Amino acid sequence: MTASSADQAGFNPHGYKLPTGVYRCELNRSVNVREVSADLSSAVVQFDKKEYRMHAVGARSGALRYEDPQSGLVWLVISTKSMLLDTKHGRQLANECKT
């Protein structure tokens, strides 16, 4: 196993994919995943007319978790949905997001 695949296994134990494109969410909200690095270690997420460069971090739940420490935004991906959280203000920005 190469170092990059070992790292990927650490933050993506379930092998979730992160497709680019517009995710439609509850409350008529949307999140655009504009770019995803080949090794899934980073992604560019657009929400509310702003772009955020997020980096993958390990999640105890096994979800794919991307964080932008500056804004406090977190993009979570599980098998059936994704969600965007604002950790600085303790609220969900978008939930039940699907491509």
PDB file of N, CA and C in Angstrom:
ATOM      1  N   MET A   1       0.851  -1.179   0.000  1.00  0.00           N
ATOM      2  CA  MET A   1       0.000   0.000   0.000  1.00  0.00           C
ATOM      3  C   MET A   1       0.893   1.238   0.000  1.00  0.00           C
ATOM      4  N   THR A   2       0.617   2.170  -0.883  1.00  0.00           N
ATOM      5  CA  THR A   2       1.417   3.392  -0.944  1.00  0.00           C
ATOM      6  C   THR A   2       1.009   4.330   0.179  1.00  0.00           C
ATOM      7  N   ALA A   3       1.837   5.333   0.414  1.00  0.00           N
ATOM      8  CA  ALA A   3       1.531   6.298   1.478  1.00  0.00           C
ATOM      9  C   ALA A   3       0.219   7.009   1.207  1.00  0.00           C
ATOM     10  N   SER A   4      -0.021   7.396  -0.064  1.00  0.00           N
ATOM     11  CA  SER A   4      -1.256   8.131  -0.352  1.00  0.00           C
ATOM     12  C   SER A   4      -2.483   7.249  -0.185  1.00  0.00           C
ATOM     13  N   SER A   5      -2.396   5.968  -0.569  1.00  0.00           N
ATOM     14  CA  SER A   5      -3.563   5.108  -0.384  1.00  0.00           C
ATOM     15  C   SER A   5      -3.775   4.790   1.087  1.00  0.00           C
ATOM     16  N   ALA A   6      -2.689   4.728   1.870  1.00  0.00           N
ATOM     17  CA  ALA A   6      -2.834   4.533   3.313  1.00  0.00           C
ATOM     18  C   ALA A   6      -3.507   5.745   3.934  1.00  0.00           C
ATOM     19  N   ASP A   7      -3.097   6.942   3.512  1.00  0.00           N
ATOM     20  CA  ASP A   7      -3.725   8.158   4.020  1.00  0.00           C
ATOM     21  C   ASP A   7      -5.202   8.186   3.646  1.00  0.00           C
ATOM     22  N   GLN A   8      -5.509   7.821   2.400  1.00  0.00           N
ATOM     23  CA  GLN A   8      -6.895   7.827   1.949  1.00  0.00           C
ATOM     24  C   GLN A   8      -7.709   6.831   2.757  1.00  0.00           C
ATOM     25  N   ALA A   9      -7.145   5.648   3.025  1.00  0.00           N
ATOM     26  CA  ALA A   9      -7.864   4.654   3.811  1.00  0.00           C
ATOM     27  C   ALA A   9      -8.159   5.192   5.202  1.00  0.00           C
ATOM     28  N   GLY A  10      -7.260   6.033   5.737  1.00  0.00           N
ATOM     29  CA  GLY A  10      -7.460   6.594   7.067  1.00  0.00           C
ATOM     30  C   GLY A  10      -8.618   7.567   7.132  1.00  0.00           C
ATOM     31  N   PHE A  11      -8.797   8.391   6.114  1.00  0.00           N
ATOM     32  CA  PHE A  11      -9.891   9.363   6.179  1.00  0.00           C
ATOM     33  C   PHE A  11     -11.100   8.929   5.372  1.00  0.00           C
ATOM     34  N   ASN A  12     -11.013   7.794   4.672  1.00  0.00           N
ATOM     35  CA  ASN A  12     -12.129   7.312   3.861  1.00  0.00           C
ATOM     36  C   ASN A  12     -12.229   5.788   3.959  1.00  0.00           C
ATOM     37  N   PRO A  13     -12.460   5.243   5.156  1.00  0.00           N
ATOM     38  CA  PRO A  13     -12.450   3.789   5.325  1.00  0.00           C
ATOM     39  C   PRO A  13     -13.558   3.069   4.563  1.00  0.00           C
ATOM     40  N   HIS A  14     -14.657   3.747   4.242  1.00  0.00           N
ATOM     41  CA  HIS A  14     -15.761   3.116   3.522  1.00  0.00           C
ATOM     42  C   HIS A  14     -15.645   3.280   2.008  1.00  0.00           C
ATOM     43  N   GLY A  15     -14.640   4.003   1.554  1.00  0.00           N
ATOM     44  CA  GLY A  15     -14.441   4.186   0.119  1.00  0.00           C
ATOM     45  C   GLY A  15     -15.502   5.045  -0.544  1.00  0.00           C
ATOM     46  N   TYR A  16     -16.050   6.012   0.183  1.00  0.00           N
ATOM     47  CA  TYR A  16     -17.049   6.903  -0.406  1.00  0.00           C
ATOM     48  C   TYR A  16     -16.447   7.700  -1.557  1.00  0.00           C
ATOM     49  N   LYS A  17     -17.271   8.018  -2.520  1.00  0.00           N
ATOM     50  CA  LYS A  17     -16.886   8.873  -3.642  1.00  0.00           C
ATOM     51  C   LYS A  17     -17.356  10.293  -3.341  1.00  0.00           C
ATOM     52  N   LEU A  18     -16.716  11.251  -3.981  1.00  0.00           N
ATOM     53  CA  LEU A  18     -17.159  12.646  -3.880  1.00  0.00           C
ATOM     54  C   LEU A  18     -17.262  13.195  -5.294  1.00  0.00           C
ATOM     55  N   PRO A  19     -18.413  12.987  -5.944  1.00  0.00           N
ATOM     56  CA  PRO A  19     -18.580  13.496  -7.302  1.00  0.00           C
ATOM     57  C   PRO A  19     -18.664  15.019  -7.324  1.00  0.00           C
ATOM     58  N   THR A  20     -18.124  15.608  -8.374  1.00  0.00           N
ATOM     59  CA  THR A  20     -18.293  17.043  -8.563  1.00  0.00           C
ATOM     60  C   THR A  20     -19.699  17.294  -9.097  1.00  0.00           C
ATOM     61  N   GLY A  21     -20.150  18.525  -8.943  1.00  0.00           N
ATOM     62  CA  GLY A  21     -21.459  18.898  -9.453  1.00  0.00           C
ATOM     63  C   GLY A  21     -22.304  19.556  -8.388  1.00  0.00           C
ATOM     64  N   VAL A  22     -23.522  19.873  -8.775  1.00  0.00           N
ATOM     65  CA  VAL A  22     -24.450  20.566  -7.881  1.00  0.00           C
ATOM     66  C   VAL A  22     -25.225  19.535  -7.065  1.00  0.00           C
ATOM     67  N   TYR A  23     -25.210  19.724  -5.763  1.00  0.00           N
ATOM     68  CA  TYR A  23     -25.964  18.889  -4.831  1.00  0.00           C
ATOM     69  C   TYR A  23     -27.212  19.667  -4.432  1.00  0.00           C
ATOM     70  N   ARG A  24     -28.374  19.075  -4.628  1.00  0.00           N
ATOM     71  CA  ARG A  24     -29.646  19.693  -4.237  1.00  0.00           C
ATOM     72  C   ARG A  24     -29.956  19.274  -2.806  1.00  0.00           C
ATOM     73  N   CYS A  25     -30.350  20.238  -1.996  1.00  0.00           N
ATOM     74  CA  CYS A  25     -30.527  20.009  -0.564  1.00  0.00           C
ATOM     75  C   CYS A  25     -31.925  20.430  -0.121  1.00  0.00           C
ATOM     76  N   GLU A  26     -32.241  20.104   1.146  1.00  0.00           N
ATOM     77  CA  GLU A  26     -33.504  20.547   1.734  1.00  0.00           C
ATOM     78  C   GLU A  26     -33.593  22.065   1.712  1.00  0.00           C
ATOM     79  N   LEU A  27     -34.804  22.548   1.860  1.00  0.00           N
ATOM     80  CA  LEU A  27     -35.093  23.989   1.925  1.00  0.00           C
ATOM     81  C   LEU A  27     -34.636  24.734   0.677  1.00  0.00           C
ATOM     82  N   ASN A  28     -34.636  24.028  -0.459  1.00  0.00           N
ATOM     83  CA  ASN A  28     -34.285  24.611  -1.756  1.00  0.00           C
ATOM     84  C   ASN A  28     -32.873  25.193  -1.787  1.00  0.00           C
ATOM     85  N   ARG A  29     -31.966  24.611  -1.025  1.00  0.00           N
ATOM     86  CA  ARG A  29     -30.574  25.057  -1.023  1.00  0.00           C
ATOM     87  C   ARG A  29     -29.761  24.157  -1.926  1.00  0.00           C
ATOM     88  N   SER A  30     -28.598  24.645  -2.328  1.00  0.00           N
ATOM     89  CA  SER A  30     -27.711  23.828  -3.151  1.00  0.00           C
ATOM     90  C   SER A  30     -26.262  24.121  -2.787  1.00  0.00           C
ATOM     91  N   VAL A  31     -25.427  23.110  -3.017  1.00  0.00           N
ATOM     92  CA  VAL A  31     -23.987  23.195  -2.795  1.00  0.00           C
ATOM     93  C   VAL A  31     -23.331  22.683  -4.062  1.00  0.00           C
ATOM     94  N   ASN A  32     -22.349  23.418  -4.564  1.00  0.00           N
ATOM     95  CA  ASN A  32     -21.645  23.013  -5.774  1.00  0.00           C
ATOM     96  C   ASN A  32     -20.244  22.543  -5.395  1.00  0.00           C
ATOM     97  N   VAL A  33     -19.982  21.256  -5.602  1.00  0.00           N
ATOM     98  CA  VAL A  33     -18.633  20.730  -5.411  1.00  0.00           C
ATOM     99  C   VAL A  33     -17.932  20.924  -6.751  1.00  0.00           C
ATOM    100  N   ARG A  34     -17.078  21.943  -6.822  1.00  0.00           N
ATOM    101  CA  ARG A  34     -16.481  22.352  -8.097  1.00  0.00           C
ATOM    102  C   ARG A  34     -15.245  21.549  -8.473  1.00  0.00           C
ATOM    103  N   GLU A  35     -14.440  21.207  -7.505  1.00  0.00           N
ATOM    104  CA  GLU A  35     -13.209  20.455  -7.774  1.00  0.00           C
ATOM    105  C   GLU A  35     -12.995  19.450  -6.659  1.00  0.00           C
ATOM    106  N   VAL A  36     -12.416  18.299  -7.022  1.00  0.00           N
ATOM    107  CA  VAL A  36     -11.989  17.304  -6.039  1.00  0.00           C
ATOM    108  C   VAL A  36     -10.640  16.786  -6.503  1.00  0.00           C
ATOM    109  N   SER A  37      -9.656  16.788  -5.614  1.00  0.00           N
ATOM    110  CA  SER A  37      -8.335  16.284  -5.993  1.00  0.00           C
ATOM    111  C   SER A  37      -8.428  14.781  -6.258  1.00  0.00           C
ATOM    112  N   ALA A  38      -7.524  14.263  -7.080  1.00  0.00           N
ATOM    113  CA  ALA A  38      -7.547  12.854  -7.469  1.00  0.00           C
ATOM    114  C   ALA A  38      -7.472  11.921  -6.263  1.00  0.00           C
ATOM    115  N   ASP A  39      -6.740  12.317  -5.239  1.00  0.00           N
ATOM    116  CA  ASP A  39      -6.615  11.475  -4.040  1.00  0.00           C
ATOM    117  C   ASP A  39      -7.666  11.797  -2.978  1.00  0.00           C
ATOM    118  N   LEU A  40      -8.630  12.628  -3.314  1.00  0.00           N
ATOM    119  CA  LEU A  40      -9.736  13.042  -2.436  1.00  0.00           C
ATOM    120  C   LEU A  40      -9.285  13.833  -1.213  1.00  0.00           C
ATOM    121  N   SER A  41      -8.052  14.326  -1.206  1.00  0.00           N
ATOM    122  CA  SER A  41      -7.547  15.023  -0.021  1.00  0.00           C
ATOM    123  C   SER A  41      -8.030  16.468   0.086  1.00  0.00           C
ATOM    124  N   SER A  42      -8.575  17.019  -1.001  1.00  0.00           N
ATOM    125  CA  SER A  42      -9.092  18.387  -0.947  1.00  0.00           C
ATOM    126  C   SER A  42     -10.224  18.557  -1.951  1.00  0.00           C
ATOM    127  N   ALA A  43     -11.036  19.572  -1.693  1.00  0.00           N
ATOM    128  CA  ALA A  43     -12.164  19.869  -2.572  1.00  0.00           C
ATOM    129  C   ALA A  43     -12.460  21.360  -2.506  1.00  0.00           C
ATOM    130  N   VAL A  44     -13.002  21.876  -3.599  1.00  0.00           N
ATOM    131  CA  VAL A  44     -13.475  23.260  -3.626  1.00  0.00           C
ATOM    132  C   VAL A  44     -14.995  23.201  -3.637  1.00  0.00           C
ATOM    133  N   VAL A  45     -15.592  23.799  -2.611  1.00  0.00           N
ATOM    134  CA  VAL A  45     -17.040  23.765  -2.424  1.00  0.00           C
ATOM    135  C   VAL A  45     -17.567  25.191  -2.513  1.00  0.00           C
ATOM    136  N   GLN A  46     -18.633  25.366  -3.287  1.00  0.00           N
ATOM    137  CA  GLN A  46     -19.249  26.681  -3.445  1.00  0.00           C
ATOM    138  C   GLN A  46     -20.620  26.659  -2.774  1.00  0.00           C
ATOM    139  N   PHE A  47     -20.856  27.669  -1.927  1.00  0.00           N
ATOM    140  CA  PHE A  47     -22.147  27.814  -1.257  1.00  0.00           C
ATOM    141  C   PHE A  47     -22.418  29.293  -1.062  1.00  0.00           C
ATOM    142  N   ASP A  48     -23.619  29.698  -1.353  1.00  0.00           N
ATOM    143  CA  ASP A  48     -24.034  31.085  -1.147  1.00  0.00           C
ATOM    144  C   ASP A  48     -23.075  32.068  -1.831  1.00  0.00           C
ATOM    145  N   LYS A  49     -22.720  31.758  -3.072  1.00  0.00           N
ATOM    146  CA  LYS A  49     -21.877  32.609  -3.931  1.00  0.00           C
ATOM    147  C   LYS A  49     -20.440  32.773  -3.436  1.00  0.00           C
ATOM    148  N   LYS A  50     -19.986  31.899  -2.526  1.00  0.00           N
ATOM    149  CA  LYS A  50     -18.600  31.930  -2.058  1.00  0.00           C
ATOM    150  C   LYS A  50     -17.979  30.560  -2.253  1.00  0.00           C
ATOM    151  N   GLU A  51     -16.665  30.547  -2.506  1.00  0.00           N
ATOM    152  CA  GLU A  51     -15.932  29.292  -2.660  1.00  0.00           C
ATOM    153  C   GLU A  51     -15.055  29.046  -1.447  1.00  0.00           C
ATOM    154  N   TYR A  52     -14.967  27.780  -1.074  1.00  0.00           N
ATOM    155  CA  TYR A  52     -14.169  27.370   0.074  1.00  0.00           C
ATOM    156  C   TYR A  52     -13.276  26.206  -0.336  1.00  0.00           C
ATOM    157  N   ARG A  53     -11.972  26.323  -0.103  1.00  0.00           N
ATOM    158  CA  ARG A  53     -11.055  25.209  -0.338  1.00  0.00           C
ATOM    159  C   ARG A  53     -10.998  24.414   0.952  1.00  0.00           C
ATOM    160  N   MET A  54     -11.450  23.180   0.859  1.00  0.00           N
ATOM    161  CA  MET A  54     -11.551  22.337   2.044  1.00  0.00           C
ATOM    162  C   MET A  54     -10.565  21.183   1.960  1.00  0.00           C
ATOM    163  N   HIS A  55     -10.125  20.731   3.119  1.00  0.00           N
ATOM    164  CA  HIS A  55      -9.155  19.640   3.200  1.00  0.00           C
ATOM    165  C   HIS A  55      -9.756  18.494   4.002  1.00  0.00           C
ATOM    166  N   ALA A  56      -9.511  17.273   3.527  1.00  0.00           N
ATOM    167  CA  ALA A  56     -10.050  16.083   4.181  1.00  0.00           C
ATOM    168  C   ALA A  56      -9.391  15.868   5.535  1.00  0.00           C
ATOM    169  N   VAL A  57     -10.200  15.470   6.482  1.00  0.00           N
ATOM    170  CA  VAL A  57      -9.714  15.104   7.815  1.00  0.00           C
ATOM    171  C   VAL A  57     -10.418  13.810   8.218  1.00  0.00           C
ATOM    172  N   GLY A  58      -9.798  13.066   9.110  1.00  0.00           N
ATOM    173  CA  GLY A  58     -10.407  11.828   9.580  1.00  0.00           C
ATOM    174  C   GLY A  58     -11.651  12.107  10.405  1.00  0.00           C
ATOM    175  N   ALA A  59     -12.640  11.249  10.263  1.00  0.00           N
ATOM    176  CA  ALA A  59     -13.870  11.353  11.054  1.00  0.00           C
ATOM    177  C   ALA A  59     -14.105  10.006  11.731  1.00  0.00           C
ATOM    178  N   ARG A  60     -14.348  10.010  13.014  1.00  0.00           N
ATOM    179  CA  ARG A  60     -14.556   8.757  13.753  1.00  0.00           C
ATOM    180  C   ARG A  60     -15.703   7.937  13.196  1.00  0.00           C
ATOM    181  N   SER A  61     -16.679   8.595  12.607  1.00  0.00           N
ATOM    182  CA  SER A  61     -17.849   7.899  12.069  1.00  0.00           C
ATOM    183  C   SER A  61     -17.559   7.182  10.759  1.00  0.00           C
ATOM    184  N   GLY A  62     -16.428   7.497  10.120  1.00  0.00           N
ATOM    185  CA  GLY A  62     -16.122   6.920   8.819  1.00  0.00           C
ATOM    186  C   GLY A  62     -16.639   7.753   7.660  1.00  0.00           C
ATOM    187  N   ALA A  63     -17.323   8.856   7.953  1.00  0.00           N
ATOM    188  CA  ALA A  63     -17.797   9.754   6.892  1.00  0.00           C
ATOM    189  C   ALA A  63     -16.606  10.448   6.251  1.00  0.00           C
ATOM    190  N   LEU A  64     -16.778  10.901   5.017  1.00  0.00           N
ATOM    191  CA  LEU A  64     -15.792  11.807   4.428  1.00  0.00           C
ATOM    192  C   LEU A  64     -16.045  13.162   5.062  1.00  0.00           C
ATOM    193  N   ARG A  65     -15.007  13.788   5.568  1.00  0.00           N
ATOM    194  CA  ARG A  65     -15.160  15.080   6.251  1.00  0.00           C
ATOM    195  C   ARG A  65     -14.138  16.049   5.687  1.00  0.00           C
ATOM    196  N   TYR A  66     -14.635  17.173   5.168  1.00  0.00           N
ATOM    197  CA  TYR A  66     -13.784  18.225   4.613  1.00  0.00           C
ATOM    198  C   TYR A  66     -13.993  19.482   5.436  1.00  0.00           C
ATOM    199  N   GLU A  67     -12.894  20.139   5.804  1.00  0.00           N
ATOM    200  CA  GLU A  67     -12.979  21.328   6.648  1.00  0.00           C
ATOM    201  C   GLU A  67     -12.258  22.512   6.024  1.00  0.00           C
ATOM    202  N   ASP A  68     -12.811  23.687   6.259  1.00  0.00           N
ATOM    203  CA  ASP A  68     -12.149  24.955   5.961  1.00  0.00           C
ATOM    204  C   ASP A  68     -12.026  25.674   7.301  1.00  0.00           C
ATOM    205  N   PRO A  69     -10.861  25.578   7.952  1.00  0.00           N
ATOM    206  CA  PRO A  69     -10.711  26.147   9.292  1.00  0.00           C
ATOM    207  C   PRO A  69     -10.984  27.646   9.363  1.00  0.00           C
ATOM    208  N   GLN A  70     -10.667  28.368   8.308  1.00  0.00           N
ATOM    209  CA  GLN A  70     -10.855  29.825   8.328  1.00  0.00           C
ATOM    210  C   GLN A  70     -12.335  30.201   8.453  1.00  0.00           C
ATOM    211  N   SER A  71     -13.178  29.563   7.652  1.00  0.00           N
ATOM    212  CA  SER A  71     -14.610  29.892   7.681  1.00  0.00           C
ATOM    213  C   SER A  71     -15.371  29.080   8.723  1.00  0.00           C
ATOM    214  N   GLY A  72     -14.816  27.946   9.124  1.00  0.00           N
ATOM    215  CA  GLY A  72     -15.516  27.057  10.043  1.00  0.00           C
ATOM    216  C   GLY A  72     -16.488  26.122   9.355  1.00  0.00           C
ATOM    217  N   LEU A  73     -16.487  26.096   8.009  1.00  0.00           N
ATOM    218  CA  LEU A  73     -17.410  25.220   7.295  1.00  0.00           C
ATOM    219  C   LEU A  73     -16.869  23.798   7.223  1.00  0.00           C
ATOM    220  N   VAL A  74     -17.801  22.845   7.295  1.00  0.00           N
ATOM    221  CA  VAL A  74     -17.490  21.420   7.208  1.00  0.00           C
ATOM    222  C   VAL A  74     -18.465  20.795   6.220  1.00  0.00           C
ATOM    223  N   TRP A  75     -17.935  20.023   5.255  1.00  0.00           N
ATOM    224  CA  TRP A  75     -18.749  19.280   4.290  1.00  0.00           C
ATOM    225  C   TRP A  75     -18.619  17.809   4.657  1.00  0.00           C
ATOM    226  N   LEU A  76     -19.733  17.169   5.028  1.00  0.00           N
ATOM    227  CA  LEU A  76     -19.757  15.762   5.416  1.00  0.00           C
ATOM    228  C   LEU A  76     -20.435  14.945   4.334  1.00  0.00           C
ATOM    229  N   VAL A  77     -19.843  13.800   4.017  1.00  0.00           N
ATOM    230  CA  VAL A  77     -20.394  12.897   3.015  1.00  0.00           C
ATOM    231  C   VAL A  77     -20.565  11.531   3.668  1.00  0.00           C
ATOM    232  N   ILE A  78     -21.806  11.017   3.662  1.00  0.00           N
ATOM    233  CA  ILE A  78     -22.053   9.649   4.101  1.00  0.00           C
ATOM    234  C   ILE A  78     -22.713   8.914   2.939  1.00  0.00           C
ATOM    235  N   SER A  79     -23.074   7.668   3.141  1.00  0.00           N
ATOM    236  CA  SER A  79     -23.528   6.856   2.014  1.00  0.00           C
ATOM    237  C   SER A  79     -24.771   7.394   1.321  1.00  0.00           C
ATOM    238  N   THR A  80     -25.682   8.009   2.044  1.00  0.00           N
ATOM    239  CA  THR A  80     -26.958   8.404   1.438  1.00  0.00           C
ATOM    240  C   THR A  80     -27.145   9.898   1.233  1.00  0.00           C
ATOM    241  N   LYS A  81     -26.274  10.713   1.836  1.00  0.00           N
ATOM    242  CA  LYS A  81     -26.460  12.161   1.712  1.00  0.00           C
ATOM    243  C   LYS A  81     -25.187  12.890   2.104  1.00  0.00           C
ATOM    244  N   SER A  82     -25.206  14.193   1.895  1.00  0.00           N
ATOM    245  CA  SER A  82     -24.125  15.077   2.341  1.00  0.00           C
ATOM    246  C   SER A  82     -24.756  16.250   3.077  1.00  0.00           C
ATOM    247  N   MET A  83     -23.943  16.952   3.863  1.00  0.00           N
ATOM    248  CA  MET A  83     -24.446  18.133   4.566  1.00  0.00           C
ATOM    249  C   MET A  83     -23.326  19.132   4.769  1.00  0.00           C
ATOM    250  N   LEU A  84     -23.698  20.398   4.824  1.00  0.00           N
ATOM    251  CA  LEU A  84     -22.757  21.489   5.047  1.00  0.00           C
ATOM    252  C   LEU A  84     -23.068  22.109   6.402  1.00  0.00           C
ATOM    253  N   LEU A  85     -22.039  22.166   7.250  1.00  0.00           N
ATOM    254  CA  LEU A  85     -22.193  22.685   8.607  1.00  0.00           C
ATOM    255  C   LEU A  85     -21.348  23.929   8.799  1.00  0.00           C
ATOM    256  N   ASP A  86     -21.839  24.832   9.619  1.00  0.00           N
ATOM    257  CA  ASP A  86     -21.090  26.011  10.042  1.00  0.00           C
ATOM    258  C   ASP A  86     -20.726  25.784  11.503  1.00  0.00           C
ATOM    259  N   THR A  87     -19.487  25.346  11.757  1.00  0.00           N
ATOM    260  CA  THR A  87     -19.085  25.005  13.122  1.00  0.00           C
ATOM    261  C   THR A  87     -18.831  26.243  13.974  1.00  0.00           C
ATOM    262  N   LYS A  88     -18.558  27.374  13.355  1.00  0.00           N
ATOM    263  CA  LYS A  88     -18.343  28.601  14.135  1.00  0.00           C
ATOM    264  C   LYS A  88     -19.633  29.097  14.775  1.00  0.00           C
ATOM    265  N   HIS A  89     -20.754  28.870  14.091  1.00  0.00           N
ATOM    266  CA  HIS A  89     -22.045  29.345  14.594  1.00  0.00           C
ATOM    267  C   HIS A  89     -22.959  28.197  15.026  1.00  0.00           C
ATOM    268  N   GLY A  90     -22.458  26.955  14.930  1.00  0.00           N
ATOM    269  CA  GLY A  90     -23.209  25.797  15.402  1.00  0.00           C
ATOM    270  C   GLY A  90     -24.516  25.548  14.684  1.00  0.00           C
ATOM    271  N   ARG A  91     -24.494  25.594  13.344  1.00  0.00           N
ATOM    272  CA  ARG A  91     -25.744  25.379  12.608  1.00  0.00           C
ATOM    273  C   ARG A  91     -25.500  24.639  11.302  1.00  0.00           C
ATOM    274  N   GLN A  92     -26.561  24.020  10.810  1.00  0.00           N
ATOM    275  CA  GLN A  92     -26.536  23.377   9.503  1.00  0.00           C
ATOM    276  C   GLN A  92     -26.874  24.418   8.450  1.00  0.00           C
ATOM    277  N   LEU A  93     -26.074  24.455   7.402  1.00  0.00           N
ATOM    278  CA  LEU A  93     -26.370  25.357   6.289  1.00  0.00           C
ATOM    279  C   LEU A  93     -27.145  24.638   5.193  1.00  0.00           C
ATOM    280  N   ALA A  94     -26.852  23.356   5.013  1.00  0.00           N
ATOM    281  CA  ALA A  94     -27.526  22.563   3.986  1.00  0.00           C
ATOM    282  C   ALA A  94     -27.535  21.112   4.449  1.00  0.00           C
ATOM    283  N   ASN A  95     -28.693  20.450   4.317  1.00  0.00           N
ATOM    284  CA  ASN A  95     -28.833  19.070   4.769  1.00  0.00           C
ATOM    285  C   ASN A  95     -29.554  18.258   3.701  1.00  0.00           C
ATOM    286  N   GLU A  96     -29.398  16.945   3.792  1.00  0.00           N
ATOM    287  CA  GLU A  96     -30.019  16.030   2.827  1.00  0.00           C
ATOM    288  C   GLU A  96     -29.607  16.377   1.400  1.00  0.00           C
ATOM    289  N   CYS A  97     -28.339  16.692   1.204  1.00  0.00           N
ATOM    290  CA  CYS A  97     -27.840  17.079  -0.121  1.00  0.00           C
ATOM    291  C   CYS A  97     -27.524  15.840  -0.947  1.00  0.00           C
ATOM    292  N   LYS A  98     -27.998  15.836  -2.187  1.00  0.00           N
ATOM    293  CA  LYS A  98     -27.795  14.695  -3.087  1.00  0.00           C
ATOM    294  C   LYS A  98     -27.535  15.198  -4.495  1.00  0.00           C
ATOM    295  N   THR A  99     -26.733  14.417  -5.233  1.00  0.00           N
ATOM    296  CA  THR A  99     -26.455  14.781  -6.627  1.00  0.00           C
ATOM    297  C   THR A  99     -27.554  14.272  -7.520  1.00  0.00           C
TER     298      THR A  99
END
